[in-house]
C-alpha atoms as a PDB file:
ATOM      1  CA  UNK A   1      77.697 179.525 137.836  1.00  0.00           C
ATOM      2  CA  UNK A   2      75.686 179.882 134.623  1.00  0.00           C
ATOM      3  CA  UNK A   3      71.955 178.973 134.836  1.00  0.00           C
ATOM      4  CA  UNK A   4      72.254 175.931 132.564  1.00  0.00           C
ATOM      5  CA  UNK A   5      75.269 174.592 134.436  1.00  0.00           C
ATOM      6  CA  UNK A   6      73.494 175.064 137.780  1.00  0.00           C
ATOM      7  CA  UNK A   7      70.417 173.283 136.397  1.00  0.00           C
ATOM      8  CA  UNK A   8      72.596 170.384 135.156  1.00  0.00           C
ATOM      9  CA  UNK A   9      74.283 170.030 138.556  1.00  0.00           C
ATOM     10  CA  UNK A  10      70.895 169.997 140.320  1.00  0.00           C
ATOM     11  CA  UNK A  11      69.595 167.331 137.903  1.00  0.00           C
ATOM     12  CA  UNK A  12      72.625 165.092 138.522  1.00  0.00           C
ATOM     13  CA  UNK A  13      72.323 165.477 142.303  1.00  0.00           C
ATOM     14  CA  UNK A  14      68.602 164.722 142.203  1.00  0.00           C
ATOM     15  CA  UNK A  15      69.162 161.658 140.030  1.00  0.00           C
ATOM     16  CA  UNK A  16      71.892 160.312 142.305  1.00  0.00           C
ATOM     17  CA  UNK A  17      70.188 161.156 145.576  1.00  0.00           C
ATOM     18  CA  UNK A  18      66.610 160.168 144.945  1.00  0.00           C
ATOM     19  CA  UNK A  19      67.028 156.523 143.918  1.00  0.00           C
ATOM     20  CA  UNK A  20      63.288 156.421 143.349  1.00  0.00           C
ATOM     21  CA  UNK A  21      63.589 153.089 141.570  1.00  0.00           C
ATOM     22  CA  UNK A  22      65.300 151.196 144.397  1.00  0.00           C
ATOM     23  CA  UNK A  23      63.689 147.803 144.859  1.00  0.00           C
ATOM     24  CA  UNK A  24      62.892 147.809 148.611  1.00  0.00           C
ATOM     25  CA  UNK A  25      61.376 144.306 148.331  1.00  0.00           C
ATOM     26  CA  UNK A  26      64.618 143.031 146.806  1.00  0.00           C
ATOM     27  CA  UNK A  27      62.677 141.412 143.947  1.00  0.00           C
ATOM     28  CA  UNK A  28      65.595 141.706 141.518  1.00  0.00           C
ATOM     29  CA  UNK A  29      67.886 139.858 143.932  1.00  0.00           C
ATOM     30  CA  UNK A  30      65.363 137.189 144.915  1.00  0.00           C
ATOM     31  CA  UNK A  31      64.409 136.320 141.350  1.00  0.00           C
ATOM     32  CA  UNK A  32      67.835 136.421 139.653  1.00  0.00           C
ATOM     33  CA  UNK A  33      68.052 132.642 139.534  1.00  0.00           C
ATOM     34  CA  UNK A  34      69.049 130.609 136.472  1.00  0.00           C
ATOM     35  CA  UNK A  35      66.399 128.198 135.178  1.00  0.00           C
ATOM     36  CA  UNK A  36      66.123 126.013 132.089  1.00  0.00           C
ATOM     37  CA  UNK A  37      63.880 128.662 130.475  1.00  0.00           C
ATOM     38  CA  UNK A  38      66.096 131.578 131.567  1.00  0.00           C
ATOM     39  CA  UNK A  39      69.711 130.334 131.450  1.00  0.00           C
ATOM     40  CA  UNK A  40      71.192 133.859 131.597  1.00  0.00           C
ATOM     41  CA  UNK A  41      69.495 134.763 134.882  1.00  0.00           C
ATOM     42  CA  UNK A  42      71.856 135.428 137.785  1.00  0.00           C
ATOM     43  CA  UNK A  43      74.278 137.991 139.163  1.00  0.00           C
ATOM     44  CA  UNK A  44      76.807 139.513 136.796  1.00  0.00           C
ATOM     45  CA  UNK A  45      79.830 141.665 137.635  1.00  0.00           C
ATOM     46  CA  UNK A  46      82.771 143.276 135.888  1.00  0.00           C
ATOM     47  CA  UNK A  47      86.365 142.196 136.615  1.00  0.00           C
ATOM     48  CA  UNK A  48      85.677 139.187 138.786  1.00  0.00           C
ATOM     49  CA  UNK A  49      83.176 138.802 141.578  1.00  0.00           C
ATOM     50  CA  UNK A  50      84.743 140.929 144.346  1.00  0.00           C
ATOM     51  CA  UNK A  51      82.779 144.138 143.694  1.00  0.00           C
ATOM     52  CA  UNK A  52      79.679 144.855 145.741  1.00  0.00           C
ATOM     53  CA  UNK A  53      77.824 146.089 142.661  1.00  0.00           C
ATOM     54  CA  UNK A  54      76.794 144.612 139.334  1.00  0.00           C
ATOM     55  CA  UNK A  55      73.708 143.437 137.456  1.00  0.00           C
ATOM     56  CA  UNK A  56      70.855 141.222 138.603  1.00  0.00           C
ATOM     57  CA  UNK A  57      69.419 139.545 135.525  1.00  0.00           C
ATOM     58  CA  UNK A  58      66.092 137.899 136.322  1.00  0.00           C
ATOM     59  CA  UNK A  59      63.256 136.210 134.437  1.00  0.00           C
ATOM     60  CA  UNK A  60      60.615 138.765 133.365  1.00  0.00           C
ATOM     61  CA  UNK A  61      58.105 136.673 131.470  1.00  0.00           C
ATOM     62  CA  UNK A  62      58.252 134.402 128.463  1.00  0.00           C
ATOM     63  CA  UNK A  63      61.775 134.648 127.004  1.00  0.00           C
ATOM     64  CA  UNK A  64      62.347 138.044 128.663  1.00  0.00           C
ATOM     65  CA  UNK A  65      64.805 139.186 131.312  1.00  0.00           C
ATOM     66  CA  UNK A  66      64.886 142.214 133.566  1.00  0.00           C
ATOM     67  CA  UNK A  67      68.310 143.805 134.007  1.00  0.00           C
ATOM     68  CA  UNK A  68      68.711 145.714 137.294  1.00  0.00           C
ATOM     69  CA  UNK A  69      71.810 147.537 138.517  1.00  0.00           C
ATOM     70  CA  UNK A  70      72.649 146.536 142.102  1.00  0.00           C
ATOM     71  CA  UNK A  71      74.837 148.380 144.596  1.00  0.00           C
ATOM     72  CA  UNK A  72      75.458 148.270 148.321  1.00  0.00           C
ATOM     73  CA  UNK A  73      72.019 149.749 149.073  1.00  0.00           C
ATOM     74  CA  UNK A  74      70.027 147.393 146.857  1.00  0.00           C
ATOM     75  CA  UNK A  75      68.964 147.021 143.235  1.00  0.00           C
ATOM     76  CA  UNK A  76      66.804 148.986 140.864  1.00  0.00           C
ATOM     77  CA  UNK A  77      63.230 147.734 140.567  1.00  0.00           C
ATOM     78  CA  UNK A  78      63.066 145.194 137.707  1.00  0.00           C
ATOM     79  CA  UNK A  79      62.309 146.857 134.386  1.00  0.00           C
ATOM     80  CA  UNK A  80      63.407 150.361 135.464  1.00  0.00           C
ATOM     81  CA  UNK A  81      67.190 150.363 134.983  1.00  0.00           C
ATOM     82  CA  UNK A  82      67.095 148.921 131.463  1.00  0.00           C
ATOM     83  CA  UNK A  83      64.099 147.788 129.405  1.00  0.00           C
ATOM     84  CA  UNK A  84      63.157 144.131 129.695  1.00  0.00           C
ATOM     85  CA  UNK A  85      64.939 142.209 126.975  1.00  0.00           C
ATOM     86  CA  UNK A  86      65.478 138.826 125.362  1.00  0.00           C
ATOM     87  CA  UNK A  87      69.254 139.506 125.662  1.00  0.00           C
ATOM     88  CA  UNK A  88      69.943 137.025 122.825  1.00  0.00           C
ATOM     89  CA  UNK A  89      69.219 138.914 119.624  1.00  0.00           C
ATOM     90  CA  UNK A  90      69.190 142.319 121.366  1.00  0.00           C
ATOM     91  CA  UNK A  91      71.856 144.615 119.912  1.00  0.00           C
ATOM     92  CA  UNK A  92      72.603 146.003 123.381  1.00  0.00           C
ATOM     93  CA  UNK A  93      73.965 142.632 124.507  1.00  0.00           C
ATOM     94  CA  UNK A  94      76.560 140.129 123.320  1.00  0.00           C
ATOM     95  CA  UNK A  95      76.537 136.628 124.766  1.00  0.00           C
ATOM     96  CA  UNK A  96      79.939 134.922 124.641  1.00  0.00           C
ATOM     97  CA  UNK A  97      78.735 131.901 126.619  1.00  0.00           C
ATOM     98  CA  UNK A  98      76.480 131.142 129.607  1.00  0.00           C
ATOM     99  CA  UNK A  99      78.975 132.767 132.006  1.00  0.00           C
ATOM    100  CA  UNK A 100      80.235 135.767 129.998  1.00  0.00           C
ATOM    101  CA  UNK A 101      78.246 138.578 128.403  1.00  0.00           C
ATOM    102  CA  UNK A 102      78.805 142.124 127.206  1.00  0.00           C
ATOM    103  CA  UNK A 103      76.378 144.972 127.833  1.00  0.00           C
ATOM    104  CA  UNK A 104      76.262 148.160 125.766  1.00  0.00           C
ATOM    105  CA  UNK A 105      76.543 151.354 127.794  1.00  0.00           C
ATOM    106  CA  UNK A 106      77.265 154.972 126.974  1.00  0.00           C
ATOM    107  CA  UNK A 107      80.975 154.163 126.416  1.00  0.00           C
ATOM    108  CA  UNK A 108      80.455 151.028 124.337  1.00  0.00           C
ATOM    109  CA  UNK A 109      80.327 147.415 125.504  1.00  0.00           C
ATOM    110  CA  UNK A 110      81.466 146.259 128.957  1.00  0.00           C
ATOM    111  CA  UNK A 111      82.253 142.646 129.829  1.00  0.00           C
ATOM    112  CA  UNK A 112      80.428 140.942 132.704  1.00  0.00           C
ATOM    113  CA  UNK A 113      80.900 137.491 134.150  1.00  0.00           C
ATOM    114  CA  UNK A 114      78.426 135.371 136.122  1.00  0.00           C
ATOM    115  CA  UNK A 115      78.973 135.378 139.912  1.00  0.00           C
ATOM    116  CA  UNK A 116      77.596 133.096 142.591  1.00  0.00           C
ATOM    117  CA  UNK A 117      75.973 135.954 144.535  1.00  0.00           C
ATOM    118  CA  UNK A 118      75.574 139.710 144.721  1.00  0.00           C
END
């Protein structure tokens, strides 16, 4: 294996294995609750609500949200998966309505719908 390829493989393994930003206190999950001031807060998943992974969108201050990826082992610490955002007016997000949004990723926009729980 060429040195650069070996380095790339090691970087990917380290990134996947370390999970240094896992929220052990489950803050993202506990605070992802819709309020009058933060109507987009909640759990969001692709393709229905059956998956055991998705996004926890939680209040993160005045008119800001944290967006944390959640999987079977927990969620990223708020503010570490994606930068805190207003969502509305942020070019990385499209809001169709209060239950349907799109989030820009490396392959373009992905649709998410609001779910009752993680």
